[in-house]
Amino acid sequence: MSTLKPETGDLQKSLETEVEAALNPGEAEGFYRDTRECLGLLLVAGAALLSPPTPRPKK
């Protein structure tokens, strides 16, 4: 029965590591949130939505 103890301890440690990784995921590589860039995109999108429509030709 003493052979089960080390295996159980290793399993518990590996489960703890997996749970910690799932609860605290790191930011994916290559995805960075830049506040200035997001603000610029928001301003451009807002300006495009608030701009007047293009004039239509009169019939």
N, C-alpha and C. Protein backbone atom coordinates (compact mmCIF):
# COMPACT_ATOMS: atom_id res chain seq x y z
N MET A 1 0.81 -1.19 0.00
CA MET A 1 0.00 0.00 0.00
C MET A 1 0.86 1.26 0.00
N SER A 2 2.09 1.16 0.34
CA SER A 2 2.94 2.34 0.36
C SER A 2 3.26 2.82 -1.06
N THR A 3 3.07 1.97 -2.07
CA THR A 3 3.33 2.39 -3.45
C THR A 3 2.24 3.33 -3.97
N LEU A 4 1.08 3.33 -3.37
CA LEU A 4 0.00 4.22 -3.81
C LEU A 4 0.20 5.65 -3.33
N LYS A 5 0.86 5.84 -2.23
CA LYS A 5 1.04 7.19 -1.67
C LYS A 5 1.81 8.12 -2.62
N PRO A 6 2.97 7.74 -3.15
CA PRO A 6 3.68 8.66 -4.05
C PRO A 6 2.88 8.98 -5.32
N GLU A 7 2.18 8.00 -5.86
CA GLU A 7 1.40 8.25 -7.06
C GLU A 7 0.26 9.22 -6.77
N THR A 8 -0.37 9.08 -5.62
CA THR A 8 -1.46 9.97 -5.25
C THR A 8 -0.94 11.39 -5.04
N GLY A 9 0.21 11.51 -4.43
CA GLY A 9 0.81 12.83 -4.21
C GLY A 9 1.16 13.51 -5.52
N ASP A 10 1.72 12.75 -6.47
CA ASP A 10 2.05 13.31 -7.78
C ASP A 10 0.79 13.73 -8.53
N LEU A 11 -0.24 12.91 -8.43
CA LEU A 11 -1.50 13.22 -9.09
C LEU A 11 -2.12 14.48 -8.50
N GLN A 12 -2.05 14.60 -7.19
CA GLN A 12 -2.61 15.78 -6.53
C GLN A 12 -1.85 17.03 -6.94
N LYS A 13 -0.53 16.95 -7.01
CA LYS A 13 0.27 18.10 -7.41
C LYS A 13 -0.02 18.50 -8.85
N SER A 14 -0.16 17.52 -9.73
CA SER A 14 -0.44 17.84 -11.13
C SER A 14 -1.83 18.44 -11.28
N LEU A 15 -2.80 17.94 -10.50
CA LEU A 15 -4.14 18.51 -10.54
C LEU A 15 -4.15 19.95 -10.01
N GLU A 16 -3.40 20.19 -8.95
CA GLU A 16 -3.31 21.54 -8.41
C GLU A 16 -2.71 22.49 -9.44
N THR A 17 -1.69 22.04 -10.15
CA THR A 17 -1.06 22.86 -11.17
C THR A 17 -2.04 23.16 -12.30
N GLU A 18 -2.79 22.18 -12.74
CA GLU A 18 -3.76 22.38 -13.82
C GLU A 18 -4.88 23.32 -13.40
N VAL A 19 -5.35 23.18 -12.16
CA VAL A 19 -6.42 24.05 -11.67
C VAL A 19 -5.92 25.49 -11.57
N GLU A 20 -4.72 25.68 -11.06
CA GLU A 20 -4.15 27.03 -10.97
C GLU A 20 -4.00 27.65 -12.35
N ALA A 21 -3.57 26.87 -13.32
CA ALA A 21 -3.41 27.39 -14.68
C ALA A 21 -4.76 27.75 -15.29
N ALA A 22 -5.79 26.98 -14.98
CA ALA A 22 -7.12 27.26 -15.51
C ALA A 22 -7.73 28.50 -14.86
N LEU A 23 -7.46 28.69 -13.57
CA LEU A 23 -8.03 29.84 -12.86
C LEU A 23 -7.28 31.14 -13.16
N ASN A 24 -6.01 31.06 -13.49
CA ASN A 24 -5.20 32.25 -13.76
C ASN A 24 -4.57 32.16 -15.14
N PRO A 25 -5.38 32.24 -16.20
CA PRO A 25 -4.79 32.13 -17.54
C PRO A 25 -3.98 33.37 -17.87
N GLY A 26 -2.85 33.16 -18.49
CA GLY A 26 -2.04 34.28 -18.93
C GLY A 26 -2.60 34.85 -20.21
N GLU A 27 -2.17 36.03 -20.56
CA GLU A 27 -2.65 36.65 -21.79
C GLU A 27 -2.02 35.91 -22.97
N ALA A 28 -2.84 35.62 -23.96
CA ALA A 28 -2.36 34.87 -25.12
C ALA A 28 -1.24 35.63 -25.81
N GLU A 29 -0.28 34.91 -26.31
CA GLU A 29 0.86 35.54 -26.96
C GLU A 29 0.41 36.24 -28.23
N GLY A 30 0.82 37.48 -28.38
CA GLY A 30 0.47 38.22 -29.58
C GLY A 30 -0.77 39.07 -29.44
N PHE A 31 -1.49 38.96 -28.34
CA PHE A 31 -2.69 39.76 -28.12
C PHE A 31 -2.41 40.73 -26.98
N TYR A 32 -2.26 41.99 -27.34
CA TYR A 32 -1.99 43.01 -26.35
C TYR A 32 -3.01 44.12 -26.50
N ARG A 33 -3.51 44.59 -25.42
CA ARG A 33 -4.51 45.66 -25.45
C ARG A 33 -3.83 46.98 -25.17
N ASP A 34 -3.77 47.83 -26.17
CA ASP A 34 -3.17 49.14 -26.03
C ASP A 34 -4.30 50.16 -25.93
N THR A 35 -4.36 50.87 -24.84
CA THR A 35 -5.45 51.81 -24.59
C THR A 35 -5.51 52.89 -25.66
N ARG A 36 -4.35 53.42 -26.05
CA ARG A 36 -4.34 54.49 -27.06
C ARG A 36 -4.85 53.98 -28.40
N GLU A 37 -4.47 52.77 -28.75
CA GLU A 37 -4.93 52.19 -30.02
C GLU A 37 -6.45 51.97 -29.99
N CYS A 38 -6.95 51.45 -28.89
CA CYS A 38 -8.40 51.22 -28.76
C CYS A 38 -9.16 52.54 -28.80
N LEU A 39 -8.62 53.57 -28.15
CA LEU A 39 -9.27 54.87 -28.16
C LEU A 39 -9.31 55.44 -29.57
N GLY A 40 -8.21 55.30 -30.30
CA GLY A 40 -8.18 55.79 -31.68
C GLY A 40 -9.20 55.08 -32.56
N LEU A 41 -9.29 53.78 -32.42
CA LEU A 41 -10.27 53.03 -33.21
C LEU A 41 -11.69 53.41 -32.84
N LEU A 42 -11.92 53.65 -31.56
CA LEU A 42 -13.25 54.06 -31.11
C LEU A 42 -13.62 55.43 -31.67
N LEU A 43 -12.67 56.35 -31.68
CA LEU A 43 -12.94 57.68 -32.23
C LEU A 43 -13.23 57.63 -33.72
N VAL A 44 -12.47 56.83 -34.46
CA VAL A 44 -12.69 56.71 -35.90
C VAL A 44 -14.05 56.07 -36.18
N ALA A 45 -14.39 55.04 -35.44
CA ALA A 45 -15.69 54.39 -35.63
C ALA A 45 -16.83 55.33 -35.27
N GLY A 46 -16.66 56.10 -34.20
CA GLY A 46 -17.69 57.06 -33.82
C GLY A 46 -17.85 58.16 -34.84
N ALA A 47 -16.74 58.64 -35.39
CA ALA A 47 -16.81 59.68 -36.41
C ALA A 47 -17.50 59.16 -37.67
N ALA A 48 -17.24 57.92 -38.02
CA ALA A 48 -17.87 57.34 -39.21
C ALA A 48 -19.38 57.19 -39.00
N LEU A 49 -19.77 56.83 -37.80
CA LEU A 49 -21.20 56.65 -37.53
C LEU A 49 -21.94 57.99 -37.41
N LEU A 50 -21.25 59.02 -36.95
CA LEU A 50 -21.89 60.31 -36.75
C LEU A 50 -21.81 61.22 -37.97
N SER A 51 -21.04 60.83 -38.97
CA SER A 51 -20.92 61.67 -40.16
C SER A 51 -22.23 61.67 -40.93
N PRO A 52 -22.53 62.79 -41.62
CA PRO A 52 -23.79 62.85 -42.37
C PRO A 52 -23.76 61.88 -43.56
N PRO A 53 -24.91 61.44 -43.99
CA PRO A 53 -24.94 60.51 -45.13
C PRO A 53 -24.53 61.23 -46.42
N THR A 54 -24.10 60.46 -47.38
CA THR A 54 -23.70 61.05 -48.66
C THR A 54 -24.94 61.58 -49.36
N PRO A 55 -24.81 62.71 -50.05
CA PRO A 55 -25.99 63.28 -50.72
C PRO A 55 -26.42 62.40 -51.89
N ARG A 56 -27.72 62.33 -52.08
CA ARG A 56 -28.27 61.54 -53.18
C ARG A 56 -28.62 62.48 -54.33
N PRO A 57 -28.46 62.01 -55.54
CA PRO A 57 -28.81 62.88 -56.67
C PRO A 57 -30.31 63.14 -56.71
N LYS A 58 -30.66 64.35 -57.11
CA LYS A 58 -32.08 64.71 -57.21
C LYS A 58 -32.66 64.13 -58.48
N LYS A 59 -33.87 63.69 -58.40
CA LYS A 59 -34.52 63.08 -59.57
C LYS A 59 -35.17 64.12 -60.43
